C-alpha atoms as a PDB file:
ATOM      1  CA  MET A   1      -0.203  -0.213   0.086  1.00  0.00           C
ATOM      2  CA  MET A   2       0.940   3.567  -0.005  1.00  0.00           C
ATOM      3  CA  ASP A   3       3.588   4.992   2.412  1.00  0.00           C
ATOM      4  CA  VAL A   4       1.544   6.954   4.904  1.00  0.00           C
ATOM      5  CA  ASP A   5       4.289   8.473   6.198  1.00  0.00           C
ATOM      6  CA  LYS A   6       5.252  10.251   3.052  1.00  0.00           C
ATOM      7  CA  LEU A   7       1.378  10.935   2.453  1.00  0.00           C
ATOM      8  CA  VAL A   8       1.423  14.796   3.527  1.00  0.00           C
ATOM      9  CA  ILE A   9      -2.302  17.203   3.997  1.00  0.00           C
ATOM     10  CA  THR A  10      -1.804  20.406   4.091  1.00  0.00           C
ATOM     11  CA  SER A  11      -5.528  23.259   4.794  1.00  0.00           C
ATOM     12  CA  LEU A  12      -5.544  26.855   4.436  1.00  0.00           C
ATOM     13  CA  SER A  13      -8.929  28.882   5.114  1.00  0.00           C
ATOM     14  CA  TYR A  14     -10.156  31.945   3.630  1.00  0.00           C
ATOM     15  CA  LYS A  15     -12.827  33.984   3.684  1.00  0.00           C
ATOM     16  CA  GLY A  16     -14.236  34.117   0.016  1.00  0.00           C
ATOM     17  CA  PHE A  17     -13.179  33.203  -3.426  1.00  0.00           C
ATOM     18  CA  ASP A  18     -12.105  36.295  -3.756  1.00  0.00           C
ATOM     19  CA  VAL A  19      -9.190  36.894  -1.757  1.00  0.00           C
ATOM     20  CA  LEU A  20      -7.911  32.965  -2.516  1.00  0.00           C
ATOM     21  CA  LYS A  21      -4.240  32.798  -2.579  1.00  0.00           C
ATOM     22  CA  LYS A  22      -4.215  36.765  -2.141  1.00  0.00           C
ATOM     23  CA  PRO A  23      -2.005  38.808  -0.404  1.00  0.00           C
ATOM     24  CA  GLU A  24      -2.777  40.009   2.923  1.00  0.00           C
ATOM     25  CA  PRO A  25      -3.370  44.046   2.223  1.00  0.00           C
ATOM     26  CA  PHE A  26      -0.923  46.663   3.119  1.00  0.00           C
ATOM     27  CA  THR A  27      -0.259  50.218   2.742  1.00  0.00           C
ATOM     28  CA  ASP A  28       2.027  51.182  -0.458  1.00  0.00           C
ATOM     29  CA  LYS A  29       3.152  54.108   0.649  1.00  0.00           C
ATOM     30  CA  ASN A  30       5.906  54.650  -2.186  1.00  0.00           C
ATOM     31  CA  GLY A  31       3.408  53.397  -4.665  1.00  0.00           C
ATOM     32  CA  ASN A  32       5.869  50.554  -5.985  1.00  0.00           C
ATOM     33  CA  GLY A  33       3.382  47.623  -6.008  1.00  0.00           C
ATOM     34  CA  VAL A  34       5.049  45.708  -3.389  1.00  0.00           C
ATOM     35  CA  ARG A  35       5.272  45.518   0.313  1.00  0.00           C
ATOM     36  CA  ASP A  36       8.092  47.051   1.970  1.00  0.00           C
ATOM     37  CA  ASP A  37       9.679  46.977   5.640  1.00  0.00           C
ATOM     38  CA  GLY A  38       7.942  49.696   7.876  1.00  0.00           C
ATOM     39  CA  GLU A  39       4.590  49.670   5.609  1.00  0.00           C
ATOM     40  CA  ASN A  40       1.450  49.040   7.510  1.00  0.00           C
ATOM     41  CA  TYR A  41      -0.456  45.777   6.833  1.00  0.00           C
ATOM     42  CA  THR A  42      -3.773  44.010   8.079  1.00  0.00           C
ATOM     43  CA  ASP A  43      -2.536  40.883   9.914  1.00  0.00           C
ATOM     44  CA  VAL A  44      -5.550  38.186   7.974  1.00  0.00           C
ATOM     45  CA  ASN A  45      -4.720  35.452   9.013  1.00  0.00           C
ATOM     46  CA  GLY A  46      -3.501  36.165  12.542  1.00  0.00           C
ATOM     47  CA  ASN A  47       0.030  34.981  12.576  1.00  0.00           C
ATOM     48  CA  GLY A  48       2.283  38.177  13.468  1.00  0.00           C
ATOM     49  CA  GLN A  49       3.576  38.635  10.513  1.00  0.00           C
ATOM     50  CA  TYR A  50       3.106  39.610   6.462  1.00  0.00           C
ATOM     51  CA  ASP A  51       2.240  37.169   4.777  1.00  0.00           C
ATOM     52  CA  VAL A  52       1.520  36.741   0.727  1.00  0.00           C
ATOM     53  CA  ASP A  53      -1.032  34.114   1.253  1.00  0.00           C
ATOM     54  CA  GLN A  54      -3.263  35.348   3.430  1.00  0.00           C
ATOM     55  CA  GLY A  55      -4.785  31.831   4.111  1.00  0.00           C
ATOM     56  CA  ALA A  56      -5.114  30.617   7.509  1.00  0.00           C
ATOM     57  CA  ASN A  57      -4.040  27.168   8.635  1.00  0.00           C
ATOM     58  CA  GLY A  58      -6.211  25.095   9.553  1.00  0.00           C
ATOM     59  CA  TYR A  59     -10.450  23.556   8.777  1.00  0.00           C
ATOM     60  CA  GLY A  60     -11.560  27.362   8.938  1.00  0.00           C
ATOM     61  CA  GLY A  61     -15.399  28.269  10.481  1.00  0.00           C
ATOM     62  CA  THR A  62     -18.754  28.664   9.543  1.00  0.00           C
ATOM     63  CA  ALA A  63     -19.207  29.661   5.445  1.00  0.00           C
ATOM     64  CA  GLN A  64     -14.886  29.651   5.379  1.00  0.00           C
ATOM     65  CA  LEU A  65     -13.463  28.539   1.846  1.00  0.00           C
ATOM     66  CA  VAL A  66     -10.988  25.785   2.616  1.00  0.00           C
ATOM     67  CA  LEU A  67      -8.240  24.519   0.180  1.00  0.00           C
ATOM     68  CA  TYR A  68      -6.483  21.595   0.886  1.00  0.00           C
ATOM     69  CA  THR A  69      -3.154  20.423  -1.030  1.00  0.00           C
ATOM     70  CA  VAL A  70      -2.571  16.371  -0.844  1.00  0.00           C
ATOM     71  CA  THR A  71       1.124  15.727  -1.221  1.00  0.00           C
ATOM     72  CA  TYR A  72       2.447  12.416  -2.048  1.00  0.00           C
ATOM     73  CA  PRO A  73       5.905  11.553  -4.154  1.00  0.00           C
ATOM     74  CA  TRP A  74       5.057   9.437  -7.142  1.00  0.00           C
ATOM     75  CA  THR A  75       6.247   9.653 -10.659  1.00  0.00           C
ATOM     76  CA  PHE A  76       3.711   8.314 -13.403  1.00  0.00           C
ATOM     77  CA  HIS A  77       4.686   5.994 -16.097  1.00  0.00           C
ATOM     78  CA  THR A  78       2.082   7.427 -18.569  1.00  0.00           C
ATOM     79  CA  PRO A  79       1.448  10.820 -19.529  1.00  0.00           C
ATOM     80  CA  VAL A  80      -2.092  11.125 -19.748  1.00  0.00           C
ATOM     81  CA  LEU A  81      -2.227  10.599 -16.159  1.00  0.00           C
ATOM     82  CA  LYS A  82       0.213  13.153 -15.571  1.00  0.00           C
ATOM     83  CA  GLN A  83      -1.546  15.728 -17.418  1.00  0.00           C
ATOM     84  CA  ILE A  84      -5.058  14.483 -15.674  1.00  0.00           C
ATOM     85  CA  VAL A  85      -3.225  14.928 -11.894  1.00  0.00           C
ATOM     86  CA  GLY A  86      -0.746  17.546 -12.587  1.00  0.00           C
ATOM     87  CA  ASN A  87       2.118  18.805 -10.546  1.00  0.00           C
ATOM     88  CA  ASP A  88       4.429  15.997 -11.790  1.00  0.00           C
ATOM     89  CA  GLY A  89       2.436  13.575  -9.902  1.00  0.00           C
ATOM     90  CA  THR A  90       3.095  15.052  -6.633  1.00  0.00           C
ATOM     91  CA  SER A  91       0.099  17.111  -5.312  1.00  0.00           C
ATOM     92  CA  TYR A  92      -3.152  17.540  -5.384  1.00  0.00           C
ATOM     93  CA  GLU A  93      -5.661  20.341  -4.686  1.00  0.00           C
ATOM     94  CA  PHE A  94      -9.212  20.455  -3.507  1.00  0.00           C
ATOM     95  CA  LEU A  95     -11.371  23.192  -2.826  1.00  0.00           C
ATOM     96  CA  ALA A  96     -14.607  23.155  -0.714  1.00  0.00           C
ATOM     97  CA  GLU A  97     -16.935  26.216   0.981  1.00  0.00           C
ATOM     98  CA  ASP A  98     -17.932  24.466   4.107  1.00  0.00           C
ATOM     99  CA  ASP A  99     -18.289  25.169   7.830  1.00  0.00           C
ATOM    100  CA  GLY A 100     -15.595  23.582   8.631  1.00  0.00           C
ATOM    101  CA  VAL A 101     -17.195  20.361   9.687  1.00  0.00           C
ATOM    102  CA  ALA A 102     -16.885  18.979   6.118  1.00  0.00           C
ATOM    103  CA  GLY A 103     -13.250  19.732   5.898  1.00  0.00           C
ATOM    104  CA  ILE A 104     -12.733  17.539   8.756  1.00  0.00           C
ATOM    105  CA  GLU A 105     -14.105  14.511   5.886  1.00  0.00           C
ATOM    106  CA  MET A 106     -12.568  15.603   2.841  1.00  0.00           C
ATOM    107  CA  ALA A 107      -8.930  15.554   4.871  1.00  0.00           C
ATOM    108  CA  ILE A 108     -10.503  12.118   5.981  1.00  0.00           C
ATOM    109  CA  ILE A 109     -11.232  10.998   2.823  1.00  0.00           C
ATOM    110  CA  THR A 110      -9.005  12.119   0.856  1.00  0.00           C
ATOM    111  CA  PRO A 111      -6.220   9.318   1.233  1.00  0.00           C
ATOM    112  CA  VAL A 112      -9.027   6.764   0.246  1.00  0.00           C
ATOM    113  CA  LEU A 113      -9.630   8.510  -3.030  1.00  0.00           C
ATOM    114  CA  LEU A 114      -5.824   8.458  -3.353  1.00  0.00           C
ATOM    115  CA  VAL A 115      -5.639   4.988  -2.753  1.00  0.00           C
ATOM    116  CA  LEU A 116      -8.272   3.610  -4.755  1.00  0.00           C
ATOM    117  CA  LEU A 117      -6.772   6.027  -7.541  1.00  0.00           C
ATOM    118  CA  CYS A 118      -3.128   4.188  -7.268  1.00  0.00           C
ATOM    119  CA  ALA A 119      -4.865   0.691  -7.488  1.00  0.00           C
ATOM    120  CA  ARG A 120      -7.388   1.688 -10.470  1.00  0.00           C
ATOM    121  CA  SER A 121      -3.935   2.985 -11.918  1.00  0.00           C
ATOM    122  CA  GLU A 122      -1.774  -0.014 -11.342  1.00  0.00           C
ATOM    123  CA  ILE A 123      -4.034  -2.438 -12.693  1.00  0.00           C
ATOM    124  CA  CYS A 124      -4.693  -0.593 -15.589  1.00  0.00           C
ATOM    125  CA  LEU A 125      -0.557  -0.427 -16.222  1.00  0.00           C
ATOM    126  CA  TYR A 126      -0.327  -4.376 -15.445  1.00  0.00           C
ATOM    127  CA  GLY A 127      -2.803  -5.416 -17.572  1.00  0.00           C
ATOM    128  CA  ARG A 128      -1.228  -3.034 -20.704  1.00  0.00           C
ATOM    129  CA  SER A 129       2.120  -4.742 -19.728  1.00  0.00           C
ATOM    130  CA  HIS A 130       0.543  -7.976 -20.483  1.00  0.00           C
ATOM    131  CA  PHE A 131      -0.861  -7.317 -23.765  1.00  0.00           C
ATOM    132  CA  GLN A 132       2.593  -5.367 -24.557  1.00  0.00           C
ATOM    133  CA  ALA A 133       4.460  -8.454 -23.682  1.00  0.00           C
ATOM    134  CA  SER A 134       2.431 -11.006 -25.405  1.00  0.00           C
ATOM    135  CA  GLN A 135       2.402  -8.998 -28.772  1.00  0.00           C
ATOM    136  CA  MET A 136       6.015  -8.357 -28.445  1.00  0.00           C
ATOM    137  CA  ALA A 137       6.493 -12.273 -28.105  1.00  0.00           C
ATOM    138  CA  SER A 138       4.210 -13.077 -31.471  1.00  0.00           C
ATOM    139  CA  THR A 139       5.916 -10.228 -33.475  1.00  0.00           C
ATOM    140  CA  VAL A 140       9.425 -11.344 -32.919  1.00  0.00           C
ATOM    141  CA  ALA A 141       8.480 -14.794 -33.379  1.00  0.00           C
ATOM    142  CA  ASP A 142       6.614 -14.009 -36.543  1.00  0.00           C
ATOM    143  CA  ALA A 143       9.499 -11.702 -38.181  1.00  0.00           C
ATOM    144  CA  VAL A 144      12.221 -14.386 -37.442  1.00  0.00           C
ATOM    145  CA  SER A 145      10.274 -17.087 -39.072  1.00  0.00           C
ATOM    146  CA  ARG A 146       9.872 -15.080 -42.208  1.00  0.00           C
ATOM    147  CA  TYR A 147      13.601 -15.590 -43.264  1.00  0.00           C
ATOM    148  CA  GLU A 148      14.743 -18.461 -45.465  1.00  0.00           C
ATOM    149  CA  ALA A 149      17.732 -18.332 -43.672  1.00  0.00           C
ATOM    150  CA  VAL A 150      18.481 -15.761 -40.377  1.00  0.00           C
ATOM    151  CA  THR A 151      21.841 -14.330 -39.274  1.00  0.00           C
ATOM    152  CA  SER A 152      23.207 -13.033 -36.324  1.00  0.00           C
ATOM    153  CA  ALA A 153      22.534  -9.616 -37.980  1.00  0.00           C
ATOM    154  CA  ASP A 154      19.094 -10.003 -38.423  1.00  0.00           C
ATOM    155  CA  ILE A 155      18.471 -10.960 -34.897  1.00  0.00           C
ATOM    156  CA  THR A 156      20.938  -8.013 -33.961  1.00  0.00           C
ATOM    157  CA  SER A 157      18.110  -5.509 -35.519  1.00  0.00           C
ATOM    158  CA  ILE A 158      15.383  -7.192 -34.336  1.00  0.00           C
ATOM    159  CA  PHE A 159      16.378  -7.315 -30.743  1.00  0.00           C
ATOM    160  CA  SER A 160      17.495  -3.305 -31.283  1.00  0.00           C
ATOM    161  CA  VAL A 161      14.157  -2.005 -31.669  1.00  0.00           C
ATOM    162  CA  SER A 162      12.731  -4.383 -28.917  1.00  0.00           C
ATOM    163  CA  SER A 163      11.612  -0.949 -26.773  1.00  0.00           C
ATOM    164  CA  GLN A 164       9.703   0.320 -29.393  1.00  0.00           C
ATOM    165  CA  VAL A 165       7.977  -3.091 -30.208  1.00  0.00           C
ATOM    166  CA  MET A 166       7.083  -3.376 -26.260  1.00  0.00           C
ATOM    167  CA  GLY A 167       6.245  -0.075 -26.226  1.00  0.00           C
ATOM    168  CA  THR A 168       8.160   1.131 -22.905  1.00  0.00           C
ATOM    169  CA  GLU A 169      11.492   2.492 -22.844  1.00  0.00           C
ATOM    170  CA  ASP A 170      12.539   0.732 -19.578  1.00  0.00           C
ATOM    171  CA  PHE A 171      12.431  -3.195 -21.673  1.00  0.00           C
ATOM    172  CA  LYS A 172      15.893  -2.316 -22.531  1.00  0.00           C
ATOM    173  CA  ASP A 173      16.756  -2.872 -19.089  1.00  0.00           C
ATOM    174  CA  ASN A 174      14.168  -5.080 -17.418  1.00  0.00           C
ATOM    175  CA  GLY A 175      13.142  -7.129 -20.601  1.00  0.00           C
ATOM    176  CA  TYR A 176      14.883 -10.184 -22.073  1.00  0.00           C
ATOM    177  CA  VAL A 177      14.168 -12.051 -24.852  1.00  0.00           C
ATOM    178  CA  ILE A 178      15.095 -15.687 -26.135  1.00  0.00           C
ATOM    179  CA  LEU A 179      14.508 -17.184 -29.653  1.00  0.00           C
ATOM    180  CA  SER A 180      14.896 -21.048 -29.825  1.00  0.00           C
ATOM    181  CA  SER A 181      15.034 -23.026 -32.792  1.00  0.00           C
ATOM    182  CA  VAL A 182      13.158 -25.991 -31.872  1.00  0.00           C
ATOM    183  CA  SER A 183      13.285 -29.153 -34.252  1.00  0.00           C
ATOM    184  CA  ARG A 184      12.145 -32.915 -34.058  1.00  0.00           C
ATOM    185  CA  THR A 185      13.869 -35.970 -36.222  1.00  0.00           C
ATOM    186  CA  GLY A 186      11.393 -38.469 -37.072  1.00  0.00           C
ATOM    187  CA  GLY A 187       9.724 -39.854 -33.598  1.00  0.00           C
ATOM    188  CA  ALA A 188      12.653 -38.173 -31.827  1.00  0.00           C
ATOM    189  CA  THR A 189      12.282 -36.015 -28.945  1.00  0.00           C
ATOM    190  CA  PRO A 190      12.268 -32.291 -29.729  1.00  0.00           C
ATOM    191  CA  LYS A 191      15.993 -30.551 -29.492  1.00  0.00           C
ATOM    192  CA  VAL A 192      16.976 -27.136 -28.892  1.00  0.00           C
ATOM    193  CA  ALA A 193      18.922 -26.506 -32.375  1.00  0.00           C
ATOM    194  CA  TRP A 194      20.021 -22.629 -31.377  1.00  0.00           C
ATOM    195  CA  GLN A 195      19.103 -19.902 -29.224  1.00  0.00           C
ATOM    196  CA  CYS A 196      19.395 -16.164 -29.471  1.00  0.00           C
ATOM    197  CA  LYS A 197      19.394 -13.931 -26.279  1.00  0.00           C
ATOM    198  CA  GLY A 198      19.301 -10.335 -25.561  1.00  0.00           C
ATOM    199  CA  GLY A 199      18.110  -7.381 -22.994  1.00  0.00           C
ATOM    200  CA  GLY A 200      19.207  -6.526 -19.487  1.00  0.00           C
ATOM    201  CA  HIS A 201      17.133  -8.466 -17.503  1.00  0.00           C
ATOM    202  CA  ALA A 202      18.953 -11.784 -18.247  1.00  0.00           C
ATOM    203  CA  SER A 203      16.536 -14.837 -17.622  1.00  0.00           C
ATOM    204  CA  THR A 204      16.949 -18.862 -18.131  1.00  0.00           C
ATOM    205  CA  SER A 205      14.895 -20.495 -21.214  1.00  0.00           C
ATOM    206  CA  ARG A 206      11.750 -22.346 -20.222  1.00  0.00           C
ATOM    207  CA  ILE A 207      12.233 -24.207 -23.357  1.00  0.00           C
ATOM    208  CA  GLY A 208      15.454 -25.606 -22.638  1.00  0.00           C
ATOM    209  CA  ALA A 209      19.241 -25.488 -23.499  1.00  0.00           C
ATOM    210  CA  VAL A 210      20.945 -26.215 -26.872  1.00  0.00           C
ATOM    211  CA  THR A 211      21.181 -29.569 -28.151  1.00  0.00           C
ATOM    212  CA  LYS A 212      19.152 -30.677 -25.318  1.00  0.00           C
ATOM    213  CA  ASP A 213      15.793 -31.803 -24.974  1.00  0.00           C
ATOM    214  CA  ALA A 214      12.936 -29.143 -25.537  1.00  0.00           C
ATOM    215  CA  THR A 215       9.800 -28.297 -23.717  1.00  0.00           C
ATOM    216  CA  PRO A 216       7.122 -26.474 -26.488  1.00  0.00           C
ATOM    217  CA  PRO A 217       5.236 -24.203 -24.396  1.00  0.00           C
ATOM    218  CA  GLY A 218       1.711 -25.029 -23.608  1.00  0.00           C
ATOM    219  CA  GLY A 219       2.276 -28.738 -24.174  1.00  0.00           C
ATOM    220  CA  LEU A 220       2.379 -27.842 -27.625  1.00  0.00           C
ATOM    221  CA  VAL A 221       3.223 -32.046 -29.435  1.00  0.00           C
ATOM    222  CA  LEU A 222       5.591 -31.357 -32.404  1.00  0.00           C
ATOM    223  CA  ASP A 223       4.984 -33.631 -35.702  1.00  0.00           C
ATOM    224  CA  ALA A 224       7.263 -35.891 -36.891  1.00  0.00           C
ATOM    225  CA  MET A 225       9.918 -33.645 -38.870  1.00  0.00           C
ATOM    226  CA  ASP A 226       8.627 -30.446 -37.634  1.00  0.00           C
ATOM    227  CA  ASP A 227      10.897 -27.087 -37.020  1.00  0.00           C
ATOM    228  CA  VAL A 228       9.305 -24.206 -34.890  1.00  0.00           C
ATOM    229  CA  ILE A 229      10.243 -21.014 -33.781  1.00  0.00           C
ATOM    230  CA  VAL A 230       9.665 -20.411 -30.240  1.00  0.00           C
ATOM    231  CA  ALA A 231      10.002 -16.610 -28.715  1.00  0.00           C
ATOM    232  CA  GLU A 232      10.357 -16.223 -25.259  1.00  0.00           C
ATOM    233  CA  VAL A 233       9.272 -12.701 -23.678  1.00  0.00           C
ATOM    234  CA  PHE A 234      10.703 -12.114 -19.460  1.00  0.00           C
ATOM    235  CA  TYR A 235       9.457  -8.718 -18.647  1.00  0.00           C
ATOM    236  CA  LYS A 236      10.307  -7.540 -14.687  1.00  0.00           C
ATOM    237  CA  TYR A 237       7.563  -5.270 -14.343  1.00  0.00           C
ATOM    238  CA  SER A 238       7.821  -1.834 -11.607  1.00  0.00           C
ATOM    239  CA  PRO A 239       4.732  -1.195  -9.791  1.00  0.00           C
ATOM    240  CA  LEU A 240       3.899   2.399  -9.584  1.00  0.00           C
ATOM    241  CA  PHE A 241       2.714   2.049  -6.397  1.00  0.00           C
ATOM    242  CA  ALA A 242       4.213  -1.100  -4.328  1.00  0.00           C
ATOM    243  CA  ASN A 243       1.537  -3.690  -3.012  1.00  0.00           C
ATOM    244  CA  ALA A 244      -1.158  -1.589  -4.004  1.00  0.00           C
ATOM    245  CA  VAL A 245      -2.942  -4.263  -5.304  1.00  0.00           C
ATOM    246  CA  PRO A 246      -2.035  -7.495  -3.866  1.00  0.00           C
ATOM    247  CA  GLY A 247      -0.924 -10.363  -5.750  1.00  0.00           C
ATOM    248  CA  LEU A 248       0.394  -8.956  -9.200  1.00  0.00           C
ATOM    249  CA  ASN A 249       3.446 -10.800 -10.218  1.00  0.00           C
ATOM    250  CA  ASP A 250       6.637  -9.050 -10.902  1.00  0.00           C
ATOM    251  CA  GLU A 251       8.178 -11.021 -13.645  1.00  0.00           C
ATOM    252  CA  LEU A 252       5.965 -11.443 -16.465  1.00  0.00           C
ATOM    253  CA  TYR A 253       6.625 -14.400 -18.953  1.00  0.00           C
ATOM    254  CA  LYS A 254       5.327 -14.328 -22.655  1.00  0.00           C
ATOM    255  CA  THR A 255       5.598 -17.320 -25.204  1.00  0.00           C
ATOM    256  CA  ALA A 256       4.591 -17.315 -29.350  1.00  0.00           C
ATOM    257  CA  VAL A 257       5.253 -20.260 -31.339  1.00  0.00           C
ATOM    258  CA  PHE A 258       6.000 -19.867 -35.318  1.00  0.00           C
ATOM    259  CA  ARG A 259       6.613 -22.315 -38.045  1.00  0.00           C
ATOM    260  CA  PRO A 260       9.282 -20.936 -40.595  1.00  0.00           C
ATOM    261  CA  ARG A 261       7.524 -20.110 -43.842  1.00  0.00           C
ATOM    262  CA  LEU A 262      10.435 -20.572 -46.320  1.00  0.00           C
ATOM    263  CA  GLY A 263      12.511 -23.180 -44.569  1.00  0.00           C
ATOM    264  CA  SER A 264      13.531 -25.248 -41.257  1.00  0.00           C
ATOM    265  CA  LEU A 265      15.899 -22.518 -39.931  1.00  0.00           C
ATOM    266  CA  THR A 266      17.560 -24.710 -37.675  1.00  0.00           C
ATOM    267  CA  SER A 267      21.182 -23.816 -38.657  1.00  0.00           C
ATOM    268  CA  ALA A 268      22.872 -21.430 -35.720  1.00  0.00           C
ATOM    269  CA  PRO A 269      22.658 -18.028 -37.002  1.00  0.00           C
ATOM    270  CA  GLY A 270      25.531 -17.492 -34.655  1.00  0.00           C
ATOM    271  CA  CYS A 271      24.514 -15.446 -31.925  1.00  0.00           C
END
């Protein structure tokens, strides 16, 4: 959940909208438009000093206007959400005209609303990451299966645009792609002919190791003399709000299987 120790709620009360965030009135003797030392002023908020914002700390009294500011240090991953909340995702202001009692209620319910907003955002981002990882696996496997003979340069070219395909810049650091050529000769057990790997989040293939028995995803059974290209995508998902939604797995794993169109693609590309 959110770290409540980092959540800060402040409030300022005003007599009306016309003085909202306005400075305390003063006598401008020299007519320069600013208050200079020695010039008289009206201490509206009663704190014994001149303020450029005449709001008084607290929840106000009868018929007063109360401005609530909720501050919490977070970073948004999506530009749209950042534009909605604003202030670089650090603070949100609520304005209410009440007699003080409603202000207290607002201060109590605001953290709950923030938690709900965080949880909703987290679920949306998590679902989006699942979809993008699936699309990534399908795109990579499909691209390789279209070659008659694939080279290490071809694989490097495909891996170089992995962040764009995934749709997130952190994939180069938190993602990993493993391409495997799986071949079955006659009635023998399928073997991994070759593998190519790329990314910053090193992971171990769940298909198998080169020249070893292969375990195709989803219990797939290969026909005799069948060859397939298997793409595995690993992505270390970093929650926007730690533990905001229990049960979210921090590592996503997706696979895709394509049969080569123009050749067997069992010759190692030299990755």
